[in-house]
Amino acid sequence: MERSTTLMTAQIHFIDDLVSLINIPLAQYTHYVQPLLQLLYPVEEQKVGADGQPIQNVESTVPWSNQHPFLNISITPIECSVVCSRSLARKYFEPVVSHMSHLKMQDRVQASISKEDFVVVSVEGEGLEASQRVLELTTPLAMAGISIFFITTYFSDYILVPSKSRDQVIRALEDRGFAFVKSAEAYVNAGARHHQRHPSSSSSFEYAPPPSTPPPTTISELQARTFSLLNRRNIVPEVQRNIRLIQCAGRRDSLNSPSSAKHLELQIGLMKCLLHPPQFLSLTLVESEDASVLLEKDALHVFGSDDVLLGSKENYLVPIILDLEPLPFEATGIVCGVAGKLVGPGGGGGGGTGLHHSFNDAVEMNYLSTAKSGAIIVDENDLERAVEALRQGEFGLDVL
């Protein structure tokens, strides 16, 4: 496969933590509100020293939005999905899952926590269109038969892969010209990051070994396999025309001072969203960046003043939802296949066996992975072109 020429300067590293993926059916969401709030706003345990004086917790001096190596909470019309450290999944969610499983609720689908550990690949690279980033990053992994989840925030891209696939991921991306850095020190200081990235985020909940069939040899073959699989499993993309999203981020000046009014407004707004969930919300927290929020336009009012969140409030995005529950756990290539469809001939770019696409007329897309579904996120002005691109071709999809 040809080497990437557009993402050679991207900085890539593994976040030093093992994470779990949690699927919460919407019908059971109310039972998990408390664990969600505890995850986001943990109660600080006061420690006392030998002299009887309280010891200040080091974490208390870190902004609340930077206390997780990686955390994502997403609510969509399909499910609530959580990505958090394995230890926190055990602490906050396992007791509730166990309790619910013992109730007489056989007629209901239960929440589940992935048995497999995942690792998070962080990708920082500016100056690239969203569709280009998604395609360039996911193609080598799909061609290697690696199952992934893809989440793009206001600032960066994040790829979740099974921890046992770590070495395979490194080889696949390095073969394409990407270079891994050994620590987060290579990142630009988070305080200087007030540029906006065009947002994005695959799903196969439990990890299984790569399929026995040989990986595809060309992108065209990969795309044909992907859409053939979606058609066979009757997976129909559903346009959520009544949902208009905006991509925002917390402001650095509101996070550095725990007592600031903006800081509190952001926390209270997120708490309100969890207590009374909108149709769509995705929150991502990491140690090195400000909070990233993808949410409905109609939910903006819960954050109080207009300047609590950074980002354009006028550029609206529309989600196209894929319910991936029917797919086998080892399914791969969903994100790459969708991106190729929107960037390829139907989306304005060129097809072929390599990655030399013309992005001038490509449909701008982002992709949000959740535990058992995926959301193609497009600008409302590009929605009809995106739908047409997904429909056309030998393996075109019916789009609702």
Protein backbone atom coordinates (compact mmCIF):
# COMPACT_ATOMS: atom_id res chain seq x y z
CA MET A 1 0.00 0.00 0.00
CA GLU A 2 1.24 3.49 -0.79
CA ARG A 3 2.57 5.63 2.02
CA SER A 4 0.57 8.52 3.36
CA THR A 5 1.85 11.89 2.26
CA THR A 6 -0.78 14.03 4.00
CA LEU A 7 -0.56 12.68 7.55
CA MET A 8 3.19 12.13 7.77
CA THR A 9 3.39 15.01 10.28
CA ALA A 10 0.59 13.73 12.51
CA GLN A 11 1.68 12.96 16.06
CA ILE A 12 0.44 9.59 17.29
CA HIS A 13 0.79 7.92 20.66
CA PHE A 14 -0.98 5.39 22.85
CA ILE A 15 -2.75 6.75 25.89
CA ASP A 16 -1.39 4.96 28.93
CA ASP A 17 -4.54 3.24 30.15
CA LEU A 18 -6.72 0.21 29.42
CA VAL A 19 -10.33 1.11 28.75
CA SER A 20 -13.66 -0.71 28.68
CA LEU A 21 -16.64 -0.14 26.42
CA ILE A 22 -20.03 -0.03 28.12
CA ASN A 23 -23.36 -0.34 26.32
CA ILE A 24 -26.42 0.96 28.17
CA PRO A 25 -29.82 0.42 26.48
CA LEU A 26 -31.88 3.61 26.54
CA ALA A 27 -34.71 1.74 28.30
CA GLN A 28 -32.38 1.24 31.28
CA TYR A 29 -30.67 4.62 31.18
CA THR A 30 -32.28 5.92 34.39
CA HIS A 31 -30.67 3.08 36.37
CA TYR A 32 -27.22 4.28 35.27
CA VAL A 33 -27.53 8.02 35.84
CA GLN A 34 -25.83 7.77 39.24
CA PRO A 35 -22.77 5.84 37.92
CA LEU A 36 -22.50 8.35 35.07
CA LEU A 37 -22.51 11.28 37.50
CA GLN A 38 -20.01 9.53 39.80
CA LEU A 39 -17.77 8.91 36.81
CA LEU A 40 -17.88 12.54 35.77
CA TYR A 41 -17.90 14.09 39.25
CA PRO A 42 -16.26 11.63 41.68
CA VAL A 43 -16.57 12.35 45.39
CA GLU A 44 -13.14 13.18 46.75
CA GLU A 45 -12.10 11.00 49.69
CA GLN A 46 -10.40 13.06 52.37
CA LYS A 47 -7.11 11.55 53.57
CA VAL A 48 -5.52 12.34 56.91
CA GLY A 49 -1.79 12.36 57.61
CA ALA A 50 0.08 10.97 60.63
CA ASP A 51 -0.24 14.37 62.29
CA GLY A 52 -4.00 14.24 61.98
CA GLN A 53 -4.08 16.98 59.38
CA PRO A 54 -5.93 16.51 56.09
CA ILE A 55 -3.77 15.72 53.08
CA GLN A 56 -4.62 17.56 49.89
CA ASN A 57 -5.44 15.19 47.06
CA VAL A 58 -3.14 15.89 44.10
CA GLU A 59 -6.04 15.22 41.72
CA SER A 60 -7.99 18.07 43.34
CA THR A 61 -5.51 20.54 41.85
CA VAL A 62 -6.16 19.17 38.35
CA PRO A 63 -9.16 20.57 36.45
CA TRP A 64 -12.05 18.11 36.55
CA SER A 65 -11.96 17.83 32.75
CA ASN A 66 -8.34 16.57 32.79
CA GLN A 67 -8.55 13.85 35.44
CA HIS A 68 -9.23 10.99 32.99
CA PRO A 69 -6.64 9.57 30.58
CA PHE A 70 -9.63 9.03 28.27
CA LEU A 71 -13.36 9.25 28.86
CA ASN A 72 -16.24 9.36 26.40
CA ILE A 73 -19.93 9.43 27.25
CA SER A 74 -22.26 9.36 24.25
CA ILE A 75 -26.04 9.34 24.05
CA THR A 76 -27.65 8.67 20.67
CA PRO A 77 -31.11 7.57 19.49
CA ILE A 78 -29.75 3.98 19.67
CA GLU A 79 -27.99 3.73 23.03
CA CYS A 80 -25.90 5.28 25.75
CA SER A 81 -22.26 4.32 25.35
CA VAL A 82 -19.35 4.85 27.74
CA VAL A 83 -15.61 4.46 27.26
CA CYS A 84 -13.66 4.68 30.52
CA SER A 85 -10.80 3.00 32.34
CA ARG A 86 -11.29 -0.65 33.25
CA SER A 87 -10.93 0.19 36.96
CA LEU A 88 -13.71 2.80 36.86
CA ALA A 89 -15.98 0.48 34.87
CA ARG A 90 -15.59 -2.08 37.64
CA LYS A 91 -16.09 0.48 40.39
CA TYR A 92 -19.14 2.33 39.11
CA PHE A 93 -20.90 0.17 36.49
CA GLU A 94 -20.30 -3.51 37.32
CA PRO A 95 -22.40 -3.38 40.54
CA VAL A 96 -25.38 -1.94 38.68
CA VAL A 97 -25.04 -4.36 35.75
CA SER A 98 -24.88 -7.26 38.23
CA HIS A 99 -27.91 -5.98 40.14
CA MET A 100 -29.98 -5.48 37.00
CA SER A 101 -29.08 -8.93 35.67
CA HIS A 102 -30.57 -10.54 38.80
CA LEU A 103 -33.92 -8.81 38.40
CA LYS A 104 -36.81 -10.50 36.60
CA MET A 105 -36.25 -8.55 33.40
CA GLN A 106 -35.61 -11.29 30.84
CA ASP A 107 -37.66 -9.38 28.30
CA ARG A 108 -35.22 -6.48 28.36
CA VAL A 109 -31.79 -6.18 26.83
CA GLN A 110 -29.24 -5.74 29.58
CA ALA A 111 -26.36 -3.31 29.75
CA SER A 112 -22.97 -4.88 29.09
CA ILE A 113 -19.30 -4.18 29.70
CA SER A 114 -16.71 -5.37 27.22
CA LYS A 115 -14.71 -8.35 28.44
CA GLU A 116 -11.80 -7.34 26.23
CA ASP A 117 -9.55 -4.44 27.18
CA PHE A 118 -9.00 -1.70 24.64
CA VAL A 119 -6.23 0.85 24.16
CA VAL A 120 -6.64 4.35 22.80
CA VAL A 121 -4.52 5.78 19.99
CA SER A 122 -4.40 9.57 20.08
CA VAL A 123 -3.81 11.37 16.79
CA GLU A 124 -3.01 15.08 16.54
CA GLY A 125 -2.68 16.69 13.12
CA GLU A 126 -3.83 20.02 11.77
CA GLY A 127 -4.71 21.32 8.35
CA LEU A 128 -6.59 18.27 7.08
CA GLU A 129 -10.21 17.93 6.08
CA ALA A 130 -12.27 15.61 8.26
CA SER A 131 -13.02 13.12 5.48
CA GLN A 132 -9.34 12.94 4.60
CA ARG A 133 -8.30 12.28 8.20
CA VAL A 134 -10.87 9.54 8.68
CA LEU A 135 -9.93 7.78 5.45
CA GLU A 136 -6.17 8.09 5.90
CA LEU A 137 -6.22 6.78 9.47
CA THR A 138 -8.72 3.96 9.12
CA THR A 139 -7.71 2.48 5.76
CA PRO A 140 -4.44 0.81 6.85
CA LEU A 141 -6.16 -0.63 9.94
CA ALA A 142 -9.09 -1.95 7.92
CA MET A 143 -6.76 -3.44 5.31
CA ALA A 144 -4.96 -5.23 8.16
CA GLY A 145 -8.25 -6.65 9.46
CA ILE A 146 -8.19 -4.69 12.74
CA SER A 147 -11.52 -3.88 14.36
CA ILE A 148 -11.68 -0.27 15.58
CA PHE A 149 -13.79 2.42 17.17
CA PHE A 150 -13.17 5.93 15.86
CA ILE A 151 -13.90 9.12 17.80
CA THR A 152 -12.95 12.62 16.74
CA THR A 153 -13.29 15.51 19.15
CA TYR A 154 -13.03 19.26 18.73
CA PHE A 155 -9.24 18.92 18.81
CA SER A 156 -8.04 15.40 18.01
CA ASP A 157 -8.85 11.96 16.64
CA TYR A 158 -8.98 8.88 18.86
CA ILE A 159 -8.91 5.27 17.69
CA LEU A 160 -9.86 2.49 20.08
CA VAL A 161 -8.38 -0.93 19.29
CA PRO A 162 -8.25 -4.23 21.18
CA SER A 163 -5.21 -4.18 23.47
CA LYS A 164 -3.95 -7.45 22.00
CA SER A 165 -3.82 -5.75 18.58
CA ARG A 166 -1.46 -3.01 19.73
CA ASP A 167 1.63 -4.29 17.89
CA GLN A 168 -0.41 -4.95 14.76
CA VAL A 169 -1.74 -1.37 14.86
CA ILE A 170 1.76 0.05 15.13
CA ARG A 171 2.97 -1.97 12.15
CA ALA A 172 -0.05 -1.08 10.02
CA LEU A 173 0.24 2.67 10.63
CA GLU A 174 4.03 2.81 10.44
CA ASP A 175 3.89 0.98 7.10
CA ARG A 176 1.77 3.88 5.88
CA GLY A 177 4.32 6.44 7.03
CA PHE A 178 2.86 7.39 10.40
CA ALA A 179 5.29 7.79 13.28
CA PHE A 180 4.47 7.02 16.92
CA VAL A 181 5.83 9.25 19.65
CA LYS A 182 6.76 7.61 22.94
CA SER A 183 5.11 10.09 25.25
CA ALA A 184 2.55 12.84 25.35
CA GLU A 185 5.37 15.39 25.72
CA ALA A 186 5.44 15.71 21.93
CA TYR A 187 2.03 17.33 22.07
CA VAL A 188 1.58 21.06 21.88
CA ASN A 189 0.69 22.58 25.23
CA ALA A 190 -3.07 22.15 25.75
CA GLY A 191 -3.40 25.79 26.71
CA ALA A 192 -2.38 26.85 23.21
CA ARG A 193 -4.98 24.62 21.52
CA HIS A 194 -7.80 26.87 20.61
CA HIS A 195 -7.95 25.85 16.97
CA GLN A 196 -10.99 23.89 15.85
CA ARG A 197 -10.84 20.51 14.19
CA HIS A 198 -13.64 19.35 11.95
CA PRO A 199 -15.24 16.64 14.15
CA SER A 200 -15.60 12.59 13.47
CA SER A 201 -16.14 8.79 15.22
CA SER A 202 -17.04 2.15 14.37
CA SER A 203 -18.38 -0.40 16.29
CA SER A 204 -18.12 -4.07 16.96
CA PHE A 205 -18.61 -4.35 20.72
CA GLU A 206 -16.68 -7.43 21.76
CA TYR A 207 -13.34 -8.09 20.14
CA ALA A 208 -12.75 -11.35 18.31
CA PRO A 209 -9.70 -12.52 16.35
CA PRO A 210 -9.42 -11.26 12.77
CA PRO A 211 -11.74 -13.11 10.36
CA SER A 212 -10.43 -16.22 8.66
CA THR A 213 -10.98 -14.79 5.20
CA PRO A 214 -7.92 -12.98 3.84
CA PRO A 215 -7.92 -9.19 4.27
CA PRO A 216 -8.83 -7.18 1.14
CA THR A 217 -6.00 -6.21 -1.19
CA THR A 218 -7.52 -2.98 -2.52
CA ILE A 219 -9.68 -0.21 -1.12
CA SER A 220 -12.31 -0.98 -3.76
CA GLU A 221 -12.50 -4.57 -2.52
CA LEU A 222 -12.67 -3.39 1.07
CA GLN A 223 -15.53 -1.03 0.28
CA ALA A 224 -17.41 -3.72 -1.65
CA ARG A 225 -17.06 -6.15 1.28
CA THR A 226 -18.20 -3.54 3.79
CA PHE A 227 -21.35 -2.49 1.98
CA SER A 228 -22.18 -6.06 0.98
CA LEU A 229 -22.05 -6.98 4.69
CA LEU A 230 -24.25 -4.04 5.67
CA ASN A 231 -26.80 -5.00 3.01
CA ARG A 232 -26.80 -8.67 4.02
CA ARG A 233 -27.46 -7.74 7.64
CA ASN A 234 -30.19 -5.26 6.62
CA ILE A 235 -28.38 -2.34 8.21
CA VAL A 236 -30.03 0.79 6.88
CA PRO A 237 -28.55 4.23 7.63
CA GLU A 238 -31.20 6.47 9.16
CA VAL A 239 -30.96 10.23 8.70
CA GLN A 240 -31.89 12.09 11.89
CA ARG A 241 -33.18 15.21 10.18
CA ASN A 242 -34.74 16.54 13.37
CA ILE A 243 -31.36 16.61 15.16
CA ARG A 244 -29.01 19.54 14.55
CA LEU A 245 -25.64 19.24 16.24
CA ILE A 246 -22.83 21.63 17.06
CA GLN A 247 -19.22 20.79 17.94
CA CYS A 248 -17.91 22.72 20.94
CA ALA A 249 -15.22 22.68 23.60
CA GLY A 250 -14.74 24.00 27.09
CA ARG A 251 -12.78 27.21 27.33
CA ARG A 252 -9.33 27.02 28.86
CA ASP A 253 -9.92 30.10 31.01
CA SER A 254 -13.04 28.49 32.45
CA LEU A 255 -11.21 25.28 33.37
CA ASN A 256 -8.07 26.59 35.03
CA SER A 257 -9.99 28.25 37.82
CA PRO A 258 -12.25 25.78 39.64
CA SER A 259 -14.20 28.67 41.16
CA SER A 260 -14.91 30.48 37.92
CA ALA A 261 -18.54 30.97 36.94
CA LYS A 262 -17.95 29.57 33.45
CA HIS A 263 -16.34 26.47 34.87
CA LEU A 264 -19.36 25.84 37.07
CA GLU A 265 -21.79 26.58 34.24
CA LEU A 266 -20.12 23.94 32.08
CA GLN A 267 -20.27 21.36 34.86
CA ILE A 268 -23.89 22.17 35.70
CA GLY A 269 -24.85 22.08 32.02
CA LEU A 270 -23.35 18.63 31.57
CA MET A 271 -25.04 17.42 34.72
CA LYS A 272 -28.40 18.63 33.39
CA CYS A 273 -27.73 16.81 30.12
CA LEU A 274 -27.12 13.55 31.99
CA LEU A 275 -30.18 13.98 34.21
CA HIS A 276 -32.42 14.91 31.29
CA PRO A 277 -30.61 13.49 28.27
CA PRO A 278 -31.08 15.08 24.86
CA GLN A 279 -31.44 12.88 21.79
CA PHE A 280 -27.76 13.27 21.03
CA LEU A 281 -24.73 14.12 23.16
CA SER A 282 -21.07 13.11 23.08
CA LEU A 283 -18.61 14.27 25.73
CA THR A 284 -14.89 13.48 25.57
CA LEU A 285 -12.39 14.21 28.35
CA VAL A 286 -8.63 13.59 28.23
CA GLU A 287 -5.67 14.73 30.32
CA SER A 288 -4.11 16.97 27.69
CA GLU A 289 -7.07 18.85 26.16
CA ASP A 290 -10.11 20.85 27.08
CA ALA A 291 -13.50 19.15 27.30
CA SER A 292 -15.01 18.39 23.88
CA VAL A 293 -18.78 18.37 23.47
CA LEU A 294 -20.91 17.38 20.47
CA LEU A 295 -24.51 18.14 21.31
CA GLU A 296 -27.87 19.22 20.00
CA LYS A 297 -28.33 22.87 19.24
CA ASP A 298 -31.52 22.84 21.31
CA ALA A 299 -29.54 21.80 24.41
CA LEU A 300 -27.25 24.84 24.37
CA HIS A 301 -29.46 26.77 26.75
CA VAL A 302 -28.60 24.46 29.68
CA PHE A 303 -25.05 25.84 29.68
CA GLY A 304 -26.16 29.34 30.68
CA SER A 305 -24.19 32.15 29.05
CA ASP A 306 -23.27 31.98 25.37
CA ASP A 307 -19.51 32.05 25.97
CA VAL A 308 -19.24 28.95 28.18
CA LEU A 309 -18.48 26.78 25.15
CA LEU A 310 -15.89 27.50 22.48
CA GLY A 311 -16.86 26.96 18.84
CA SER A 312 -19.26 28.07 16.15
CA LYS A 313 -22.90 27.93 17.18
CA GLU A 314 -24.11 28.47 13.62
CA ASN A 315 -22.58 25.53 11.72
CA TYR A 316 -25.05 22.71 12.14
CA LEU A 317 -24.29 19.02 11.69
CA VAL A 318 -26.75 16.17 11.07
CA PRO A 319 -26.19 12.56 12.20
CA ILE A 320 -26.86 9.52 10.00
CA ILE A 321 -27.20 6.58 12.39
CA LEU A 322 -26.04 3.02 11.72
CA ASP A 323 -27.41 0.38 14.12
CA LEU A 324 -24.53 -2.12 14.06
CA GLU A 325 -25.99 -4.56 16.57
CA PRO A 326 -26.52 -7.27 13.88
CA LEU A 327 -22.85 -7.31 12.88
CA PRO A 328 -20.42 -9.95 14.14
CA PHE A 329 -17.91 -8.75 16.68
CA GLU A 330 -15.01 -9.22 14.27
CA ALA A 331 -16.52 -6.96 11.60
CA THR A 332 -13.97 -4.49 10.25
CA GLY A 333 -13.81 -1.71 7.71
CA ILE A 334 -17.08 0.07 8.56
CA VAL A 335 -15.57 3.50 9.19
CA CYS A 336 -13.15 3.23 6.27
CA GLY A 337 -15.88 1.91 3.96
CA VAL A 338 -18.21 4.78 4.76
CA ALA A 339 -15.45 7.37 4.45
CA GLY A 340 -14.37 5.92 1.10
CA LYS A 341 -17.95 6.08 -0.13
CA LEU A 342 -18.25 9.77 0.68
CA VAL A 343 -14.78 10.68 -0.54
CA GLY A 344 -14.77 8.36 -3.56
CA PRO A 345 -16.54 8.83 -6.90
CA GLY A 346 -19.93 9.36 -5.28
CA GLY A 347 -18.58 11.94 -2.89
CA GLY A 348 -16.53 13.80 -5.42
CA GLY A 349 -13.15 12.09 -5.04
CA GLY A 350 -11.50 9.37 -7.06
CA GLY A 351 -11.60 5.65 -6.35
CA GLY A 352 -8.82 3.16 -6.86
CA THR A 353 -6.43 0.92 -5.05
CA GLY A 354 -4.44 3.59 -3.26
CA LEU A 355 -5.29 6.70 -1.31
CA HIS A 356 -4.86 9.31 -4.03
CA HIS A 357 -8.28 10.94 -3.79
CA SER A 358 -9.39 14.37 -4.86
CA PHE A 359 -10.85 15.92 -1.72
CA ASN A 360 -11.91 19.16 -3.36
CA ASP A 361 -15.49 17.98 -3.87
CA ALA A 362 -15.63 15.32 -1.14
CA VAL A 363 -18.49 15.25 1.33
CA GLU A 364 -17.20 16.48 4.66
CA MET A 365 -17.93 13.74 7.17
CA ASN A 366 -17.14 12.82 10.74
CA TYR A 367 -17.78 9.53 12.48
CA LEU A 368 -18.71 8.87 16.09
CA SER A 369 -18.32 5.31 17.31
CA THR A 370 -20.47 4.05 20.15
CA ALA A 371 -20.58 0.56 21.63
CA LYS A 372 -23.09 -0.96 19.21
CA SER A 373 -23.75 1.73 16.64
CA GLY A 374 -22.07 4.41 14.58
CA ALA A 375 -23.00 7.91 13.53
CA ILE A 376 -21.92 9.52 10.27
CA ILE A 377 -21.86 13.24 11.02
CA VAL A 378 -22.20 15.63 8.07
CA ASP A 379 -22.80 19.32 7.60
CA GLU A 380 -26.49 19.97 6.98
CA ASN A 381 -25.55 21.65 3.68
CA ASP A 382 -23.87 18.40 2.54
CA LEU A 383 -26.60 16.07 3.77
CA GLU A 384 -28.27 15.34 0.44
CA ARG A 385 -24.92 14.71 -1.28
CA ALA A 386 -23.97 12.34 1.53
CA VAL A 387 -27.23 10.41 1.22
CA GLU A 388 -26.83 10.14 -2.55
CA ALA A 389 -23.24 8.92 -2.18
CA LEU A 390 -24.32 6.19 0.25
CA ARG A 391 -27.11 5.07 -2.08
CA GLN A 392 -25.29 4.85 -5.36
CA GLY A 393 -23.10 2.08 -6.76
CA GLU A 394 -23.40 -1.69 -6.95
CA PHE A 395 -23.41 -1.97 -3.14
CA GLY A 396 -25.35 1.19 -2.41
CA LEU A 397 -27.44 1.34 0.77
CA ASP A 398 -31.05 2.21 1.25
CA VAL A 399 -31.06 5.34 3.39
CA LEU A 400 -34.08 6.29 5.47
